[in-house]
N, C-alpha and C. Protein backbone atom coordinates (compact mmCIF):
# COMPACT_ATOMS: atom_id res chain seq x y z
N MET A 1 -2.18 9.05 30.75
CA MET A 1 -3.16 8.20 30.08
C MET A 1 -3.40 8.69 28.65
N LEU A 2 -3.91 7.78 27.83
CA LEU A 2 -4.20 8.10 26.44
C LEU A 2 -5.41 9.02 26.35
N ASP A 3 -5.28 10.10 25.57
CA ASP A 3 -6.38 10.99 25.28
C ASP A 3 -6.95 10.59 23.93
N LEU A 4 -8.13 10.00 23.92
CA LEU A 4 -8.71 9.49 22.69
C LEU A 4 -9.27 10.58 21.79
N ARG A 5 -9.35 11.80 22.28
CA ARG A 5 -10.02 12.84 21.52
C ARG A 5 -9.23 13.30 20.31
N THR A 6 -7.92 13.21 20.37
CA THR A 6 -7.11 13.75 19.28
C THR A 6 -5.82 12.97 19.13
N ARG A 7 -5.21 13.05 17.99
CA ARG A 7 -3.93 12.41 17.73
C ARG A 7 -2.81 13.17 18.44
N VAL A 8 -1.89 12.43 19.05
CA VAL A 8 -0.72 13.02 19.69
C VAL A 8 0.51 12.32 19.11
N ILE A 9 1.32 13.07 18.37
CA ILE A 9 2.48 12.51 17.68
C ILE A 9 3.74 12.87 18.45
N ARG A 10 4.47 11.86 18.87
CA ARG A 10 5.72 12.05 19.59
C ARG A 10 6.82 11.24 18.90
N PRO A 11 8.09 11.58 19.11
CA PRO A 11 9.18 10.84 18.47
C PRO A 11 9.20 9.37 18.92
N GLU A 12 9.57 8.49 17.99
CA GLU A 12 9.72 7.08 18.30
C GLU A 12 11.20 6.71 18.30
N LEU A 13 11.57 5.80 19.17
CA LEU A 13 12.98 5.44 19.34
C LEU A 13 13.57 4.78 18.10
N LEU A 14 12.74 4.03 17.36
CA LEU A 14 13.27 3.32 16.20
C LEU A 14 13.85 4.27 15.16
N ASP A 15 13.33 5.49 15.11
CA ASP A 15 13.77 6.45 14.09
C ASP A 15 15.26 6.74 14.17
N HIS A 16 15.82 6.63 15.36
CA HIS A 16 17.25 6.97 15.53
C HIS A 16 18.02 5.87 16.27
N ALA A 17 17.49 4.67 16.28
CA ALA A 17 18.13 3.59 17.02
C ALA A 17 19.32 3.02 16.25
N PRO A 18 20.38 2.62 16.96
CA PRO A 18 21.47 1.91 16.28
C PRO A 18 20.97 0.56 15.77
N GLU A 19 21.68 0.03 14.79
CA GLU A 19 21.24 -1.22 14.16
C GLU A 19 21.09 -2.36 15.16
N SER A 20 21.95 -2.39 16.16
CA SER A 20 21.90 -3.49 17.13
C SER A 20 20.60 -3.48 17.93
N GLU A 21 20.01 -2.30 18.11
CA GLU A 21 18.75 -2.21 18.83
C GLU A 21 17.56 -2.21 17.88
N ALA A 22 17.76 -1.71 16.67
CA ALA A 22 16.67 -1.69 15.70
C ALA A 22 16.28 -3.09 15.26
N ALA A 23 17.27 -3.98 15.12
CA ALA A 23 17.00 -5.32 14.58
C ALA A 23 15.97 -6.09 15.41
N PRO A 24 16.13 -6.20 16.75
CA PRO A 24 15.11 -6.93 17.51
C PRO A 24 13.74 -6.26 17.51
N ASN A 25 13.71 -4.92 17.39
CA ASN A 25 12.42 -4.24 17.28
C ASN A 25 11.73 -4.58 15.96
N LEU A 26 12.50 -4.61 14.87
CA LEU A 26 11.92 -5.00 13.58
C LEU A 26 11.38 -6.42 13.64
N ASP A 27 12.07 -7.30 14.35
CA ASP A 27 11.56 -8.66 14.53
C ASP A 27 10.24 -8.65 15.30
N ASP A 28 10.14 -7.79 16.30
CA ASP A 28 8.89 -7.67 17.05
C ASP A 28 7.75 -7.20 16.14
N LEU A 29 8.05 -6.24 15.25
CA LEU A 29 7.01 -5.74 14.36
C LEU A 29 6.49 -6.83 13.43
N VAL A 30 7.39 -7.70 12.99
CA VAL A 30 6.95 -8.83 12.16
C VAL A 30 6.07 -9.76 12.98
N ARG A 31 6.45 -10.02 14.23
CA ARG A 31 5.62 -10.87 15.09
C ARG A 31 4.24 -10.26 15.32
N ILE A 32 4.21 -8.95 15.51
CA ILE A 32 2.92 -8.28 15.71
C ILE A 32 2.04 -8.43 14.47
N ASN A 33 2.62 -8.23 13.30
CA ASN A 33 1.85 -8.39 12.07
C ASN A 33 1.36 -9.82 11.88
N ARG A 34 2.22 -10.77 12.20
CA ARG A 34 1.87 -12.17 11.98
C ARG A 34 0.84 -12.67 12.98
N ARG A 35 1.02 -12.33 14.24
CA ARG A 35 0.17 -12.90 15.29
C ARG A 35 -1.07 -12.07 15.58
N LEU A 36 -1.01 -10.78 15.32
CA LEU A 36 -2.09 -9.90 15.75
C LEU A 36 -2.90 -9.32 14.59
N GLY A 37 -2.80 -9.95 13.44
CA GLY A 37 -3.75 -9.63 12.38
C GLY A 37 -3.28 -8.73 11.27
N GLY A 38 -2.06 -8.23 11.31
CA GLY A 38 -1.61 -7.32 10.26
C GLY A 38 -1.51 -8.00 8.91
N HIS A 39 -0.91 -9.19 8.86
CA HIS A 39 -0.78 -9.90 7.60
C HIS A 39 -2.14 -10.32 7.07
N ALA A 40 -2.99 -10.81 7.94
CA ALA A 40 -4.33 -11.23 7.52
C ALA A 40 -5.11 -10.05 6.94
N LEU A 41 -4.95 -8.88 7.54
CA LEU A 41 -5.67 -7.71 7.05
C LEU A 41 -5.14 -7.27 5.68
N ALA A 42 -3.84 -7.34 5.48
CA ALA A 42 -3.28 -6.99 4.17
C ALA A 42 -3.90 -7.85 3.07
N LEU A 43 -4.04 -9.14 3.32
CA LEU A 43 -4.63 -10.04 2.33
C LEU A 43 -6.13 -9.78 2.16
N LYS A 44 -6.79 -9.48 3.25
CA LYS A 44 -8.23 -9.18 3.18
C LYS A 44 -8.49 -7.94 2.34
N MET A 45 -7.66 -6.92 2.49
CA MET A 45 -7.82 -5.70 1.70
C MET A 45 -7.54 -5.96 0.23
N LEU A 46 -6.49 -6.71 -0.04
CA LEU A 46 -6.13 -6.97 -1.43
C LEU A 46 -7.19 -7.82 -2.12
N ALA A 47 -7.84 -8.69 -1.37
CA ALA A 47 -8.90 -9.52 -1.95
C ALA A 47 -10.08 -8.70 -2.45
N GLN A 48 -10.22 -7.46 -1.96
CA GLN A 48 -11.30 -6.59 -2.43
C GLN A 48 -11.06 -6.04 -3.82
N VAL A 49 -9.79 -6.08 -4.26
CA VAL A 49 -9.46 -5.41 -5.53
C VAL A 49 -8.72 -6.30 -6.52
N ALA A 50 -8.33 -7.51 -6.11
CA ALA A 50 -7.54 -8.39 -7.00
C ALA A 50 -7.92 -9.85 -6.78
N ARG A 51 -7.76 -10.65 -7.83
CA ARG A 51 -7.99 -12.09 -7.76
C ARG A 51 -6.66 -12.81 -7.59
N PRO A 52 -6.64 -13.95 -6.91
CA PRO A 52 -5.37 -14.68 -6.70
C PRO A 52 -4.66 -15.06 -7.99
N SER A 53 -5.40 -15.22 -9.07
CA SER A 53 -4.80 -15.64 -10.34
C SER A 53 -4.23 -14.47 -11.15
N GLU A 54 -4.47 -13.26 -10.70
CA GLU A 54 -4.05 -12.08 -11.47
C GLU A 54 -2.55 -11.84 -11.40
N GLU A 55 -2.08 -11.12 -12.40
CA GLU A 55 -0.74 -10.55 -12.37
C GLU A 55 -0.89 -9.05 -12.14
N PHE A 56 -0.15 -8.52 -11.18
CA PHE A 56 -0.24 -7.08 -10.90
C PHE A 56 1.02 -6.63 -10.19
N THR A 57 1.19 -5.30 -10.12
CA THR A 57 2.30 -4.71 -9.38
C THR A 57 1.76 -4.03 -8.13
N ILE A 58 2.53 -4.08 -7.06
CA ILE A 58 2.12 -3.43 -5.81
C ILE A 58 3.34 -2.83 -5.14
N LEU A 59 3.23 -1.57 -4.78
CA LEU A 59 4.29 -0.84 -4.08
C LEU A 59 3.92 -0.74 -2.61
N ASP A 60 4.80 -1.25 -1.74
CA ASP A 60 4.61 -1.18 -0.29
C ASP A 60 5.46 -0.04 0.25
N VAL A 61 4.81 1.04 0.67
CA VAL A 61 5.51 2.25 1.12
C VAL A 61 5.71 2.19 2.63
N GLY A 62 6.93 2.48 3.09
CA GLY A 62 7.25 2.34 4.51
C GLY A 62 7.28 0.87 4.89
N ALA A 63 7.87 0.07 4.03
CA ALA A 63 7.75 -1.39 4.13
C ALA A 63 8.58 -2.00 5.25
N ALA A 64 9.58 -1.27 5.75
CA ALA A 64 10.52 -1.83 6.75
C ALA A 64 11.16 -3.09 6.17
N THR A 65 10.98 -4.25 6.80
CA THR A 65 11.61 -5.48 6.30
C THR A 65 10.85 -6.10 5.14
N GLY A 66 9.69 -5.56 4.80
CA GLY A 66 8.93 -6.11 3.68
C GLY A 66 8.14 -7.35 4.00
N ASP A 67 7.79 -7.56 5.27
CA ASP A 67 7.09 -8.79 5.65
C ASP A 67 5.68 -8.84 5.07
N ASN A 68 5.00 -7.69 4.97
CA ASN A 68 3.68 -7.69 4.35
C ASN A 68 3.78 -8.08 2.87
N GLY A 69 4.78 -7.56 2.19
CA GLY A 69 4.97 -7.90 0.78
C GLY A 69 5.27 -9.37 0.58
N ALA A 70 6.01 -9.96 1.50
CA ALA A 70 6.31 -11.39 1.39
C ALA A 70 5.05 -12.23 1.51
N VAL A 71 4.15 -11.82 2.41
CA VAL A 71 2.88 -12.53 2.56
C VAL A 71 2.05 -12.40 1.29
N VAL A 72 2.02 -11.21 0.70
CA VAL A 72 1.28 -10.99 -0.55
C VAL A 72 1.86 -11.86 -1.66
N SER A 73 3.18 -11.94 -1.75
CA SER A 73 3.82 -12.73 -2.81
C SER A 73 3.46 -14.21 -2.70
N ARG A 74 3.34 -14.71 -1.48
CA ARG A 74 2.98 -16.12 -1.32
C ARG A 74 1.53 -16.37 -1.70
N ALA A 75 0.65 -15.43 -1.40
CA ALA A 75 -0.78 -15.61 -1.68
C ALA A 75 -1.13 -15.29 -3.13
N TYR A 76 -0.32 -14.43 -3.77
CA TYR A 76 -0.59 -14.00 -5.14
C TYR A 76 0.68 -14.26 -5.97
N PRO A 77 0.81 -15.44 -6.55
CA PRO A 77 2.04 -15.78 -7.28
C PRO A 77 2.33 -14.83 -8.45
N GLY A 78 1.29 -14.18 -8.98
CA GLY A 78 1.49 -13.27 -10.10
C GLY A 78 1.81 -11.84 -9.69
N ALA A 79 1.94 -11.60 -8.40
CA ALA A 79 2.21 -10.24 -7.93
C ALA A 79 3.69 -9.91 -8.02
N ARG A 80 3.98 -8.70 -8.45
CA ARG A 80 5.35 -8.18 -8.37
C ARG A 80 5.35 -7.10 -7.30
N VAL A 81 5.98 -7.41 -6.18
CA VAL A 81 5.96 -6.53 -5.02
C VAL A 81 7.26 -5.74 -4.97
N VAL A 82 7.14 -4.43 -4.76
CA VAL A 82 8.29 -3.56 -4.56
C VAL A 82 8.17 -2.96 -3.17
N SER A 83 9.18 -3.18 -2.33
CA SER A 83 9.20 -2.63 -0.97
C SER A 83 10.02 -1.35 -0.95
N LEU A 84 9.43 -0.27 -0.46
CA LEU A 84 10.12 1.01 -0.39
C LEU A 84 10.21 1.46 1.06
N ASP A 85 11.38 1.90 1.46
CA ASP A 85 11.58 2.44 2.80
C ASP A 85 12.73 3.43 2.74
N ARG A 86 12.77 4.36 3.68
CA ARG A 86 13.87 5.33 3.69
C ARG A 86 15.13 4.75 4.31
N SER A 87 14.99 3.63 5.05
CA SER A 87 16.12 3.04 5.77
C SER A 87 16.69 1.85 5.00
N ALA A 88 17.93 1.98 4.60
CA ALA A 88 18.60 0.87 3.92
C ALA A 88 18.75 -0.33 4.85
N PHE A 89 18.95 -0.07 6.14
CA PHE A 89 19.10 -1.18 7.08
C PHE A 89 17.81 -1.98 7.20
N HIS A 90 16.68 -1.29 7.30
CA HIS A 90 15.40 -2.00 7.37
C HIS A 90 15.21 -2.88 6.14
N LEU A 91 15.47 -2.32 4.96
CA LEU A 91 15.29 -3.07 3.73
C LEU A 91 16.25 -4.25 3.64
N SER A 92 17.44 -4.10 4.21
CA SER A 92 18.44 -5.17 4.11
C SER A 92 18.02 -6.43 4.84
N ARG A 93 17.03 -6.34 5.72
CA ARG A 93 16.58 -7.50 6.47
C ARG A 93 15.43 -8.24 5.78
N GLY A 94 15.11 -7.82 4.56
CA GLY A 94 14.04 -8.47 3.81
C GLY A 94 14.54 -9.06 2.51
N ASP A 95 13.61 -9.57 1.73
CA ASP A 95 13.91 -10.16 0.44
C ASP A 95 13.10 -9.46 -0.65
N GLY A 96 13.31 -9.89 -1.88
CA GLY A 96 12.53 -9.35 -2.98
C GLY A 96 13.06 -8.02 -3.48
N GLN A 97 12.28 -7.36 -4.33
CA GLN A 97 12.68 -6.09 -4.91
C GLN A 97 12.52 -4.97 -3.90
N ARG A 98 13.61 -4.25 -3.65
CA ARG A 98 13.60 -3.22 -2.62
C ARG A 98 14.17 -1.92 -3.16
N VAL A 99 13.55 -0.81 -2.74
CA VAL A 99 13.97 0.51 -3.20
C VAL A 99 14.05 1.43 -1.98
N ARG A 100 15.16 2.13 -1.87
CA ARG A 100 15.26 3.15 -0.83
C ARG A 100 14.71 4.45 -1.38
N GLY A 101 13.76 5.04 -0.66
CA GLY A 101 13.16 6.25 -1.19
C GLY A 101 12.27 6.96 -0.20
N ASP A 102 11.73 8.08 -0.63
CA ASP A 102 10.94 8.99 0.19
C ASP A 102 9.47 8.83 -0.20
N GLY A 103 8.61 8.56 0.79
CA GLY A 103 7.20 8.40 0.51
C GLY A 103 6.53 9.65 -0.03
N PHE A 104 7.10 10.82 0.25
CA PHE A 104 6.53 12.07 -0.24
C PHE A 104 6.90 12.36 -1.70
N GLN A 105 7.96 11.70 -2.17
CA GLN A 105 8.40 11.86 -3.56
C GLN A 105 8.76 10.47 -4.08
N LEU A 106 7.76 9.68 -4.36
CA LEU A 106 7.99 8.31 -4.79
C LEU A 106 8.74 8.29 -6.12
N PRO A 107 9.77 7.47 -6.22
CA PRO A 107 10.58 7.45 -7.45
C PRO A 107 9.95 6.60 -8.54
N PHE A 108 8.67 6.87 -8.82
CA PHE A 108 7.92 6.13 -9.83
C PHE A 108 7.05 7.12 -10.60
N SER A 109 6.81 6.83 -11.86
CA SER A 109 6.00 7.71 -12.69
C SER A 109 4.52 7.56 -12.39
N ASP A 110 3.72 8.46 -12.90
CA ASP A 110 2.27 8.44 -12.70
C ASP A 110 1.68 7.12 -13.19
N ARG A 111 0.77 6.56 -12.39
CA ARG A 111 0.03 5.34 -12.74
C ARG A 111 0.95 4.19 -13.12
N SER A 112 2.09 4.09 -12.46
CA SER A 112 3.05 3.05 -12.83
C SER A 112 2.91 1.77 -12.02
N MET A 113 2.13 1.80 -10.93
CA MET A 113 1.88 0.62 -10.11
C MET A 113 0.38 0.36 -10.03
N ASP A 114 -0.02 -0.90 -10.10
CA ASP A 114 -1.44 -1.19 -9.97
C ASP A 114 -1.97 -0.75 -8.61
N PHE A 115 -1.22 -1.11 -7.56
CA PHE A 115 -1.65 -0.79 -6.20
C PHE A 115 -0.51 -0.14 -5.43
N VAL A 116 -0.85 0.83 -4.60
CA VAL A 116 0.09 1.38 -3.63
C VAL A 116 -0.46 1.07 -2.25
N PHE A 117 0.37 0.44 -1.42
CA PHE A 117 -0.05 -0.09 -0.12
C PHE A 117 0.85 0.49 0.96
N SER A 118 0.27 0.73 2.14
CA SER A 118 1.09 1.06 3.31
C SER A 118 0.43 0.50 4.56
N ALA A 119 1.24 0.11 5.52
CA ALA A 119 0.75 -0.43 6.79
C ALA A 119 1.54 0.17 7.93
N LEU A 120 0.83 0.63 8.96
CA LEU A 120 1.46 1.20 10.15
C LEU A 120 2.45 2.31 9.78
N PHE A 121 2.07 3.13 8.82
CA PHE A 121 2.96 4.16 8.30
C PHE A 121 2.40 5.56 8.48
N LEU A 122 1.13 5.77 8.12
CA LEU A 122 0.58 7.12 8.12
C LEU A 122 0.52 7.74 9.50
N HIS A 123 0.42 6.91 10.55
CA HIS A 123 0.28 7.50 11.89
C HIS A 123 1.53 8.26 12.34
N HIS A 124 2.63 8.08 11.63
CA HIS A 124 3.85 8.81 12.00
C HIS A 124 3.79 10.28 11.62
N PHE A 125 2.78 10.68 10.86
CA PHE A 125 2.78 12.01 10.26
C PHE A 125 1.56 12.83 10.69
N PRO A 126 1.73 14.15 10.85
CA PRO A 126 0.58 15.02 11.10
C PRO A 126 -0.41 14.92 9.94
N ASN A 127 -1.64 15.37 10.19
CA ASN A 127 -2.69 15.21 9.20
C ASN A 127 -2.34 15.79 7.84
N ALA A 128 -1.77 16.98 7.82
CA ALA A 128 -1.45 17.62 6.54
C ALA A 128 -0.44 16.80 5.75
N GLU A 129 0.53 16.22 6.44
CA GLU A 129 1.52 15.39 5.75
C GLU A 129 0.92 14.06 5.33
N ALA A 130 0.01 13.51 6.13
CA ALA A 130 -0.68 12.28 5.73
C ALA A 130 -1.49 12.50 4.46
N VAL A 131 -2.12 13.66 4.34
CA VAL A 131 -2.87 13.99 3.12
C VAL A 131 -1.92 14.06 1.93
N ALA A 132 -0.75 14.67 2.11
CA ALA A 132 0.23 14.76 1.02
C ALA A 132 0.70 13.37 0.60
N LEU A 133 0.90 12.48 1.56
CA LEU A 133 1.29 11.12 1.24
C LEU A 133 0.20 10.40 0.45
N LEU A 134 -1.04 10.55 0.87
CA LEU A 134 -2.14 9.90 0.16
C LEU A 134 -2.25 10.42 -1.27
N ARG A 135 -2.03 11.70 -1.47
CA ARG A 135 -2.04 12.25 -2.83
C ARG A 135 -0.93 11.61 -3.68
N GLU A 136 0.23 11.46 -3.07
CA GLU A 136 1.35 10.85 -3.79
C GLU A 136 1.08 9.38 -4.10
N PHE A 137 0.47 8.67 -3.15
CA PHE A 137 0.09 7.27 -3.41
C PHE A 137 -0.86 7.21 -4.61
N ALA A 138 -1.85 8.10 -4.63
CA ALA A 138 -2.84 8.09 -5.69
C ALA A 138 -2.22 8.47 -7.04
N ARG A 139 -1.19 9.28 -7.02
CA ARG A 139 -0.51 9.63 -8.27
C ARG A 139 0.11 8.40 -8.93
N VAL A 140 0.70 7.54 -8.11
CA VAL A 140 1.43 6.38 -8.63
C VAL A 140 0.51 5.20 -8.89
N ALA A 141 -0.60 5.10 -8.15
CA ALA A 141 -1.50 3.94 -8.25
C ALA A 141 -2.34 4.00 -9.52
N ARG A 142 -2.44 2.85 -10.18
CA ARG A 142 -3.27 2.74 -11.37
C ARG A 142 -4.67 2.23 -11.03
N ARG A 143 -4.77 1.41 -9.96
CA ARG A 143 -6.06 0.78 -9.64
C ARG A 143 -6.59 1.14 -8.26
N ALA A 144 -5.73 1.14 -7.24
CA ALA A 144 -6.24 1.43 -5.89
C ALA A 144 -5.10 1.77 -4.94
N VAL A 145 -5.46 2.55 -3.92
CA VAL A 145 -4.59 2.83 -2.78
C VAL A 145 -5.12 2.03 -1.60
N LEU A 146 -4.24 1.32 -0.92
CA LEU A 146 -4.60 0.45 0.21
C LEU A 146 -3.79 0.86 1.43
N VAL A 147 -4.49 1.21 2.50
CA VAL A 147 -3.81 1.67 3.73
C VAL A 147 -4.40 0.93 4.91
N ASN A 148 -3.53 0.43 5.80
CA ASN A 148 -4.06 0.01 7.10
C ASN A 148 -3.17 0.56 8.20
N ASP A 149 -3.81 0.90 9.29
CA ASP A 149 -3.08 1.51 10.40
C ASP A 149 -3.78 1.15 11.71
N LEU A 150 -3.23 1.65 12.78
CA LEU A 150 -3.74 1.35 14.11
C LEU A 150 -4.99 2.16 14.43
N GLU A 151 -5.83 1.58 15.28
CA GLU A 151 -6.95 2.32 15.84
C GLU A 151 -6.51 2.94 17.16
N ARG A 152 -6.84 4.20 17.37
CA ARG A 152 -6.53 4.89 18.63
C ARG A 152 -7.55 4.45 19.68
N HIS A 153 -7.11 3.55 20.54
CA HIS A 153 -8.03 2.92 21.50
C HIS A 153 -7.22 2.51 22.72
N ILE A 154 -7.84 2.52 23.87
CA ILE A 154 -7.14 2.24 25.12
C ILE A 154 -6.58 0.82 25.18
N LEU A 155 -7.26 -0.16 24.58
CA LEU A 155 -6.80 -1.55 24.69
C LEU A 155 -5.47 -1.80 23.97
N PRO A 156 -5.29 -1.40 22.70
CA PRO A 156 -3.96 -1.59 22.11
C PRO A 156 -2.89 -0.72 22.78
N TRP A 157 -3.28 0.41 23.36
CA TRP A 157 -2.32 1.24 24.07
C TRP A 157 -1.75 0.50 25.29
N LEU A 158 -2.59 -0.29 25.93
CA LEU A 158 -2.18 -1.05 27.12
C LEU A 158 -1.55 -2.40 26.78
N PHE A 159 -1.78 -2.89 25.56
CA PHE A 159 -1.49 -4.29 25.25
C PHE A 159 -0.02 -4.66 25.38
N LEU A 160 0.88 -3.92 24.77
CA LEU A 160 2.28 -4.33 24.76
C LEU A 160 2.89 -4.36 26.16
N PRO A 161 2.75 -3.29 26.96
CA PRO A 161 3.28 -3.39 28.33
C PRO A 161 2.67 -4.53 29.14
N ALA A 162 1.37 -4.77 28.92
CA ALA A 162 0.70 -5.81 29.70
C ALA A 162 1.12 -7.22 29.31
N THR A 163 1.62 -7.40 28.09
CA THR A 163 1.98 -8.75 27.61
C THR A 163 3.49 -8.95 27.48
N ARG A 164 4.26 -8.06 28.06
CA ARG A 164 5.72 -8.22 27.97
C ARG A 164 6.16 -9.55 28.57
N TRP A 165 5.56 -9.95 29.67
CA TRP A 165 5.93 -11.21 30.33
C TRP A 165 5.67 -12.41 29.43
N LEU A 166 4.70 -12.29 28.52
CA LEU A 166 4.32 -13.42 27.66
C LEU A 166 5.13 -13.45 26.37
N PHE A 167 5.32 -12.29 25.75
CA PHE A 167 5.96 -12.25 24.43
C PHE A 167 7.40 -11.77 24.45
N GLY A 168 7.86 -11.20 25.57
CA GLY A 168 9.23 -10.73 25.64
C GLY A 168 9.53 -9.58 24.70
N TRP A 169 8.60 -8.63 24.59
CA TRP A 169 8.81 -7.49 23.70
C TRP A 169 10.08 -6.74 24.04
N GLN A 170 10.75 -6.21 23.03
CA GLN A 170 11.99 -5.47 23.23
C GLN A 170 11.72 -4.05 23.75
N ARG A 171 12.78 -3.41 24.22
CA ARG A 171 12.66 -2.09 24.85
C ARG A 171 12.05 -1.06 23.90
N ILE A 172 12.51 -1.02 22.66
CA ILE A 172 11.98 -0.04 21.71
C ILE A 172 10.51 -0.33 21.42
N THR A 173 10.17 -1.59 21.31
CA THR A 173 8.77 -1.97 21.06
C THR A 173 7.87 -1.46 22.17
N LEU A 174 8.31 -1.62 23.40
CA LEU A 174 7.51 -1.20 24.55
C LEU A 174 7.33 0.31 24.60
N HIS A 175 8.32 1.05 24.11
CA HIS A 175 8.19 2.51 24.05
C HIS A 175 7.36 2.95 22.85
N ASP A 176 7.71 2.44 21.67
CA ASP A 176 7.12 2.95 20.43
C ASP A 176 5.68 2.47 20.22
N GLY A 177 5.32 1.31 20.78
CA GLY A 177 3.97 0.80 20.59
C GLY A 177 2.90 1.75 21.12
N PRO A 178 2.94 2.10 22.40
CA PRO A 178 1.95 3.07 22.92
C PRO A 178 2.04 4.44 22.24
N VAL A 179 3.26 4.88 21.88
CA VAL A 179 3.40 6.15 21.17
C VAL A 179 2.66 6.09 19.83
N SER A 180 2.77 4.94 19.14
CA SER A 180 2.09 4.78 17.85
C SER A 180 0.58 4.79 18.01
N VAL A 181 0.08 4.14 19.06
CA VAL A 181 -1.37 4.11 19.28
C VAL A 181 -1.89 5.52 19.56
N ALA A 182 -1.15 6.30 20.33
CA ALA A 182 -1.57 7.67 20.62
C ALA A 182 -1.60 8.54 19.36
N ALA A 183 -0.78 8.19 18.37
CA ALA A 183 -0.73 8.94 17.12
C ALA A 183 -1.68 8.39 16.06
N ALA A 184 -2.38 7.32 16.39
CA ALA A 184 -3.19 6.60 15.40
C ALA A 184 -4.53 7.28 15.16
N PHE A 185 -5.44 6.55 14.55
CA PHE A 185 -6.68 7.13 14.04
C PHE A 185 -7.90 6.49 14.68
N ARG A 186 -8.98 7.24 14.70
CA ARG A 186 -10.29 6.70 15.04
C ARG A 186 -11.11 6.62 13.76
N LYS A 187 -12.18 5.84 13.82
CA LYS A 187 -13.00 5.64 12.63
C LYS A 187 -13.51 6.99 12.12
N GLY A 188 -13.38 7.18 10.84
CA GLY A 188 -13.78 8.43 10.20
C GLY A 188 -12.62 9.36 9.92
N GLU A 189 -11.54 9.26 10.68
CA GLU A 189 -10.43 10.19 10.51
C GLU A 189 -9.63 9.89 9.25
N LEU A 190 -9.33 8.61 9.01
CA LEU A 190 -8.61 8.26 7.78
C LEU A 190 -9.46 8.59 6.56
N LEU A 191 -10.75 8.32 6.66
CA LEU A 191 -11.66 8.62 5.56
C LEU A 191 -11.65 10.11 5.23
N HIS A 192 -11.67 10.93 6.26
CA HIS A 192 -11.62 12.39 6.06
C HIS A 192 -10.33 12.79 5.37
N LEU A 193 -9.20 12.23 5.79
CA LEU A 193 -7.91 12.57 5.18
C LEU A 193 -7.87 12.13 3.72
N ALA A 194 -8.42 10.95 3.44
CA ALA A 194 -8.42 10.45 2.06
C ALA A 194 -9.24 11.37 1.15
N ARG A 195 -10.38 11.82 1.64
CA ARG A 195 -11.21 12.72 0.83
C ARG A 195 -10.54 14.07 0.64
N GLU A 196 -9.83 14.52 1.67
CA GLU A 196 -9.08 15.77 1.54
C GLU A 196 -7.97 15.64 0.51
N ALA A 197 -7.45 14.41 0.37
CA ALA A 197 -6.40 14.15 -0.62
C ALA A 197 -6.95 13.98 -2.03
N GLY A 198 -8.27 14.02 -2.18
CA GLY A 198 -8.88 13.92 -3.49
C GLY A 198 -9.34 12.54 -3.87
N LEU A 199 -9.24 11.57 -2.96
CA LEU A 199 -9.72 10.22 -3.23
C LEU A 199 -11.23 10.19 -3.01
N ARG A 200 -11.95 9.54 -3.90
CA ARG A 200 -13.40 9.59 -3.84
C ARG A 200 -14.04 8.21 -3.59
N ALA A 201 -13.66 7.20 -4.35
CA ALA A 201 -14.27 5.87 -4.17
C ALA A 201 -13.55 5.16 -3.03
N VAL A 202 -13.87 5.57 -1.81
CA VAL A 202 -13.13 5.14 -0.63
C VAL A 202 -14.01 4.30 0.29
N ARG A 203 -13.43 3.22 0.80
CA ARG A 203 -14.12 2.40 1.80
C ARG A 203 -13.22 2.27 3.03
N GLU A 204 -13.72 2.69 4.17
CA GLU A 204 -12.99 2.59 5.44
C GLU A 204 -13.67 1.54 6.31
N GLN A 205 -12.86 0.69 6.97
CA GLN A 205 -13.40 -0.34 7.85
C GLN A 205 -12.61 -0.41 9.15
N LEU A 206 -13.32 -0.71 10.21
CA LEU A 206 -12.72 -0.95 11.52
C LEU A 206 -12.60 -2.46 11.72
N HIS A 207 -11.44 -2.90 12.24
CA HIS A 207 -11.19 -4.33 12.40
C HIS A 207 -10.87 -4.63 13.86
N ARG A 208 -11.73 -5.38 14.49
CA ARG A 208 -11.54 -5.83 15.86
C ARG A 208 -11.49 -7.36 15.87
N PRO A 209 -10.70 -8.02 16.69
CA PRO A 209 -9.93 -7.47 17.80
C PRO A 209 -8.52 -7.01 17.43
N ALA A 210 -8.22 -6.87 16.14
CA ALA A 210 -6.89 -6.42 15.74
C ALA A 210 -6.67 -4.94 16.06
N PHE A 211 -7.77 -4.19 16.24
CA PHE A 211 -7.70 -2.75 16.48
C PHE A 211 -6.90 -2.05 15.39
N ARG A 212 -7.34 -2.34 14.15
CA ARG A 212 -6.78 -1.69 12.96
C ARG A 212 -7.91 -1.03 12.19
N ILE A 213 -7.54 -0.06 11.38
CA ILE A 213 -8.44 0.61 10.46
C ILE A 213 -7.88 0.44 9.05
N SER A 214 -8.72 0.04 8.12
CA SER A 214 -8.27 -0.11 6.74
C SER A 214 -8.98 0.90 5.86
N LEU A 215 -8.29 1.24 4.77
CA LEU A 215 -8.82 2.17 3.80
C LEU A 215 -8.51 1.61 2.41
N VAL A 216 -9.53 1.40 1.61
CA VAL A 216 -9.37 0.96 0.24
C VAL A 216 -9.97 2.04 -0.66
N ALA A 217 -9.14 2.66 -1.48
CA ALA A 217 -9.58 3.75 -2.36
C ALA A 217 -9.27 3.38 -3.79
N ARG A 218 -10.30 3.14 -4.57
CA ARG A 218 -10.11 2.83 -5.99
C ARG A 218 -9.81 4.11 -6.74
N VAL A 219 -8.85 4.02 -7.64
CA VAL A 219 -8.42 5.18 -8.40
C VAL A 219 -9.16 5.18 -9.73
N PRO A 220 -9.82 6.30 -10.10
CA PRO A 220 -10.56 6.36 -11.37
C PRO A 220 -9.64 6.09 -12.56
């Protein structure tokens, strides 16, 4: 059973899956974002810091196929979205401007992007590494760092196995989903990591029934 008291990080199958198995899992992740609130949350967070008529740049770190960036591009015609991921295969399944790179050493100069965004990314890393990532995001961001991730809660941990009959989730999805929830955050934990990374003007919110946590940190 899930231990809610602390984060438990275990390997996920997608990290080493062959392309033939990774592809349907990536499709599942897009479905999860679309149907279970991930895309809506990305737009809700961006609305706190930008107007639809604005022109701005946004870097999506750990973007996978770039589905969040595609949603942002449709809602904000003046946005220039750059999707960054370490996997060339993941990026190849998306559109728009894509860069293969390392989130710990972003290939961008200081304050070169208006916003740095990540979704379902930080939970893959121990706290110390998550702090390092947030520092790197803040280095590149000119206006704000935007993060959303899973809430560590029993209901999302149970959700994917319980709904396999309805949605037909793939094998990797069924394994990695509960693993991700066990590695996720409770309210206050992301905020603590952000402050440890030196971010000060930070707002953390809990989102139900999506069972996500968002963090919006304005950069001085």
